[in-house]
């Protein structure tokens, strides 16, 4: 009789680097650190969602008995915004536009730097496991 077995992973197996920040400087005697950082890339919505937990420590770096706070940050592109005058007819008065904020291309810039590596690797992996040629 034969059986399939597995060996322990070798020392070459490093996994994913710990997704956590350094511990902050104290504010009002409390330090904090973001842990369990997760990325969710949604190419349909054109966003990246980052979720994480904030853990709290005393001045000596000892964990405080405070429930970690869960946070979510959405990275996306934002268009330029401005203010216009509206005429009595309910339409925008031509030439009245005044810019309030610049365009912010956060997701476009992220994708230009890391998209081909992160998303490209994910696509290649799915093509391999699904035998898509």
C-alpha atoms as a PDB file:
ATOM      1  CA  UNK A   1       0.000   0.000   0.000  1.00  0.00           C
ATOM      2  CA  UNK A   2       1.183   3.544  -0.776  1.00  0.00           C
ATOM      3  CA  UNK A   3       0.135   6.861   0.728  1.00  0.00           C
ATOM      4  CA  UNK A   4       0.789  10.472  -0.148  1.00  0.00           C
ATOM      5  CA  UNK A   5       2.483  12.552   2.531  1.00  0.00           C
ATOM      6  CA  UNK A   6       3.942  16.018   2.803  1.00  0.00           C
ATOM      7  CA  UNK A   7       7.189  17.214   4.263  1.00  0.00           C
ATOM      8  CA  UNK A   8       7.512  20.365   6.382  1.00  0.00           C
ATOM      9  CA  UNK A   9       8.276  23.519   4.428  1.00  0.00           C
ATOM     10  CA  UNK A  10      11.959  24.230   3.967  1.00  0.00           C
ATOM     11  CA  UNK A  11      13.721  27.258   5.404  1.00  0.00           C
ATOM     12  CA  UNK A  12      13.353  28.812   1.928  1.00  0.00           C
ATOM     13  CA  UNK A  13       9.616  29.321   2.553  1.00  0.00           C
ATOM     14  CA  UNK A  14       9.310  32.912   3.779  1.00  0.00           C
ATOM     15  CA  UNK A  15       5.619  33.589   3.101  1.00  0.00           C
ATOM     16  CA  UNK A  16       4.362  37.161   3.052  1.00  0.00           C
ATOM     17  CA  UNK A  17       6.160  39.906   4.952  1.00  0.00           C
ATOM     18  CA  UNK A  18       4.299  40.933   8.112  1.00  0.00           C
ATOM     19  CA  UNK A  19       1.768  43.572   7.139  1.00  0.00           C
ATOM     20  CA  UNK A  20       2.149  46.006  10.010  1.00  0.00           C
ATOM     21  CA  UNK A  21       3.505  49.473  10.637  1.00  0.00           C
ATOM     22  CA  UNK A  22       6.083  50.524  13.187  1.00  0.00           C
ATOM     23  CA  UNK A  23       4.749  51.551  16.608  1.00  0.00           C
ATOM     24  CA  UNK A  24       4.047  55.287  16.687  1.00  0.00           C
ATOM     25  CA  UNK A  25       5.348  57.884  19.105  1.00  0.00           C
ATOM     26  CA  UNK A  26       3.130  58.321  22.149  1.00  0.00           C
ATOM     27  CA  UNK A  27       0.224  60.756  22.087  1.00  0.00           C
ATOM     28  CA  UNK A  28      -1.307  61.304  25.530  1.00  0.00           C
ATOM     29  CA  UNK A  29       0.671  58.287  26.774  1.00  0.00           C
ATOM     30  CA  UNK A  30      -0.677  55.939  24.088  1.00  0.00           C
ATOM     31  CA  UNK A  31       1.203  54.478  21.127  1.00  0.00           C
ATOM     32  CA  UNK A  32      -0.468  52.781  18.190  1.00  0.00           C
ATOM     33  CA  UNK A  33       0.360  50.359  15.405  1.00  0.00           C
ATOM     34  CA  UNK A  34      -1.571  49.244  12.327  1.00  0.00           C
ATOM     35  CA  UNK A  35      -1.640  45.466  11.895  1.00  0.00           C
ATOM     36  CA  UNK A  36      -3.426  42.906   9.730  1.00  0.00           C
ATOM     37  CA  UNK A  37      -3.187  45.178   6.691  1.00  0.00           C
ATOM     38  CA  UNK A  38      -5.114  43.755   3.748  1.00  0.00           C
ATOM     39  CA  UNK A  39      -5.445  44.946   0.150  1.00  0.00           C
ATOM     40  CA  UNK A  40      -8.479  44.334  -2.005  1.00  0.00           C
ATOM     41  CA  UNK A  41      -8.074  45.414  -5.609  1.00  0.00           C
ATOM     42  CA  UNK A  42     -11.369  45.917  -7.425  1.00  0.00           C
ATOM     43  CA  UNK A  43     -10.695  46.612 -11.073  1.00  0.00           C
ATOM     44  CA  UNK A  44     -14.439  46.799 -11.834  1.00  0.00           C
ATOM     45  CA  UNK A  45     -14.877  49.736  -9.418  1.00  0.00           C
ATOM     46  CA  UNK A  46     -11.369  51.059 -10.130  1.00  0.00           C
ATOM     47  CA  UNK A  47     -10.461  51.196  -6.427  1.00  0.00           C
ATOM     48  CA  UNK A  48      -8.106  49.642  -3.904  1.00  0.00           C
ATOM     49  CA  UNK A  49      -9.574  49.015  -0.466  1.00  0.00           C
ATOM     50  CA  UNK A  50      -7.117  48.823   2.426  1.00  0.00           C
ATOM     51  CA  UNK A  51      -8.413  47.392   5.701  1.00  0.00           C
ATOM     52  CA  UNK A  52      -6.396  47.258   8.901  1.00  0.00           C
ATOM     53  CA  UNK A  53      -6.602  47.153  12.686  1.00  0.00           C
ATOM     54  CA  UNK A  54      -5.175  49.778  15.041  1.00  0.00           C
ATOM     55  CA  UNK A  55      -3.600  48.252  18.169  1.00  0.00           C
ATOM     56  CA  UNK A  56      -2.772  50.372  21.236  1.00  0.00           C
ATOM     57  CA  UNK A  57       0.285  50.304  23.542  1.00  0.00           C
ATOM     58  CA  UNK A  58       1.502  52.117  26.637  1.00  0.00           C
ATOM     59  CA  UNK A  59       4.698  54.222  26.729  1.00  0.00           C
ATOM     60  CA  UNK A  60       6.776  51.074  27.308  1.00  0.00           C
ATOM     61  CA  UNK A  61       5.291  49.276  24.299  1.00  0.00           C
ATOM     62  CA  UNK A  62       3.069  46.924  26.320  1.00  0.00           C
ATOM     63  CA  UNK A  63      -0.312  46.180  24.709  1.00  0.00           C
ATOM     64  CA  UNK A  64      -3.248  48.012  26.267  1.00  0.00           C
ATOM     65  CA  UNK A  65      -6.463  46.163  26.973  1.00  0.00           C
ATOM     66  CA  UNK A  66      -8.332  48.066  24.248  1.00  0.00           C
ATOM     67  CA  UNK A  67     -10.197  46.312  21.444  1.00  0.00           C
ATOM     68  CA  UNK A  68      -8.355  46.940  18.156  1.00  0.00           C
ATOM     69  CA  UNK A  69     -10.143  49.490  15.995  1.00  0.00           C
ATOM     70  CA  UNK A  70     -10.911  48.348  12.428  1.00  0.00           C
ATOM     71  CA  UNK A  71     -10.380  50.907   9.694  1.00  0.00           C
ATOM     72  CA  UNK A  72     -10.935  51.020   5.935  1.00  0.00           C
ATOM     73  CA  UNK A  73      -9.317  53.341   3.429  1.00  0.00           C
ATOM     74  CA  UNK A  74     -10.344  53.549  -0.213  1.00  0.00           C
ATOM     75  CA  UNK A  75      -7.802  54.625  -2.824  1.00  0.00           C
ATOM     76  CA  UNK A  76      -9.326  55.975  -6.039  1.00  0.00           C
ATOM     77  CA  UNK A  77      -8.977  58.797  -8.518  1.00  0.00           C
ATOM     78  CA  UNK A  78     -10.782  62.046  -7.770  1.00  0.00           C
ATOM     79  CA  UNK A  79     -11.656  64.615 -10.436  1.00  0.00           C
ATOM     80  CA  UNK A  80     -10.911  68.305 -10.193  1.00  0.00           C
ATOM     81  CA  UNK A  81     -13.743  70.115  -8.448  1.00  0.00           C
ATOM     82  CA  UNK A  82     -14.898  73.669  -8.833  1.00  0.00           C
ATOM     83  CA  UNK A  83     -17.650  76.147  -8.199  1.00  0.00           C
ATOM     84  CA  UNK A  84     -19.916  77.671 -10.833  1.00  0.00           C
ATOM     85  CA  UNK A  85     -22.563  80.317 -10.820  1.00  0.00           C
ATOM     86  CA  UNK A  86     -26.030  79.209 -11.813  1.00  0.00           C
ATOM     87  CA  UNK A  87     -28.103  81.647 -13.838  1.00  0.00           C
ATOM     88  CA  UNK A  88     -31.800  82.391 -13.454  1.00  0.00           C
ATOM     89  CA  UNK A  89     -32.440  79.822 -16.181  1.00  0.00           C
ATOM     90  CA  UNK A  90     -30.903  77.112 -13.956  1.00  0.00           C
ATOM     91  CA  UNK A  91     -27.886  76.684 -16.217  1.00  0.00           C
ATOM     92  CA  UNK A  92     -24.206  77.247 -15.509  1.00  0.00           C
ATOM     93  CA  UNK A  93     -23.073  80.788 -16.291  1.00  0.00           C
ATOM     94  CA  UNK A  94     -20.423  80.426 -18.967  1.00  0.00           C
ATOM     95  CA  UNK A  95     -16.929  81.334 -17.766  1.00  0.00           C
ATOM     96  CA  UNK A  96     -17.912  81.295 -14.068  1.00  0.00           C
ATOM     97  CA  UNK A  97     -15.995  78.119 -13.148  1.00  0.00           C
ATOM     98  CA  UNK A  98     -13.486  78.553 -10.304  1.00  0.00           C
ATOM     99  CA  UNK A  99     -11.302  75.579  -9.406  1.00  0.00           C
ATOM    100  CA  UNK A 100     -11.464  74.445  -5.764  1.00  0.00           C
ATOM    101  CA  UNK A 101      -9.341  71.259  -5.808  1.00  0.00           C
ATOM    102  CA  UNK A 102      -6.893  69.647  -8.207  1.00  0.00           C
ATOM    103  CA  UNK A 103      -7.466  66.291  -9.829  1.00  0.00           C
ATOM    104  CA  UNK A 104      -6.026  63.505  -7.632  1.00  0.00           C
ATOM    105  CA  UNK A 105      -4.936  60.422  -9.590  1.00  0.00           C
ATOM    106  CA  UNK A 106      -4.058  58.154  -6.639  1.00  0.00           C
ATOM    107  CA  UNK A 107      -5.221  54.890  -8.220  1.00  0.00           C
ATOM    108  CA  UNK A 108      -3.738  55.772 -11.618  1.00  0.00           C
ATOM    109  CA  UNK A 109      -0.368  56.525 -10.008  1.00  0.00           C
ATOM    110  CA  UNK A 110      -0.501  53.356  -7.878  1.00  0.00           C
ATOM    111  CA  UNK A 111      -1.331  51.284 -10.937  1.00  0.00           C
ATOM    112  CA  UNK A 112       1.486  52.847 -12.974  1.00  0.00           C
ATOM    113  CA  UNK A 113       4.011  51.897 -10.268  1.00  0.00           C
ATOM    114  CA  UNK A 114       2.725  48.541  -8.997  1.00  0.00           C
ATOM    115  CA  UNK A 115      -0.188  47.439 -11.166  1.00  0.00           C
ATOM    116  CA  UNK A 116       1.812  45.472 -13.721  1.00  0.00           C
ATOM    117  CA  UNK A 117       3.610  43.574 -10.940  1.00  0.00           C
ATOM    118  CA  UNK A 118       0.697  42.902  -8.559  1.00  0.00           C
ATOM    119  CA  UNK A 119      -2.174  42.520 -11.006  1.00  0.00           C
ATOM    120  CA  UNK A 120       0.026  40.999 -13.721  1.00  0.00           C
ATOM    121  CA  UNK A 121       1.206  38.301 -11.306  1.00  0.00           C
ATOM    122  CA  UNK A 122      -2.375  37.578 -10.214  1.00  0.00           C
ATOM    123  CA  UNK A 123      -3.489  37.257 -13.844  1.00  0.00           C
ATOM    124  CA  UNK A 124      -0.581  34.930 -14.646  1.00  0.00           C
ATOM    125  CA  UNK A 125      -1.421  32.775 -11.604  1.00  0.00           C
ATOM    126  CA  UNK A 126      -5.106  32.485 -12.546  1.00  0.00           C
ATOM    127  CA  UNK A 127      -4.182  31.660 -16.160  1.00  0.00           C
ATOM    128  CA  UNK A 128      -1.921  28.872 -14.878  1.00  0.00           C
ATOM    129  CA  UNK A 129      -4.371  27.272 -12.428  1.00  0.00           C
ATOM    130  CA  UNK A 130      -7.281  27.592 -14.870  1.00  0.00           C
ATOM    131  CA  UNK A 131      -5.148  26.434 -17.819  1.00  0.00           C
ATOM    132  CA  UNK A 132      -6.004  29.559 -19.832  1.00  0.00           C
ATOM    133  CA  UNK A 133      -3.628  29.896 -22.762  1.00  0.00           C
END
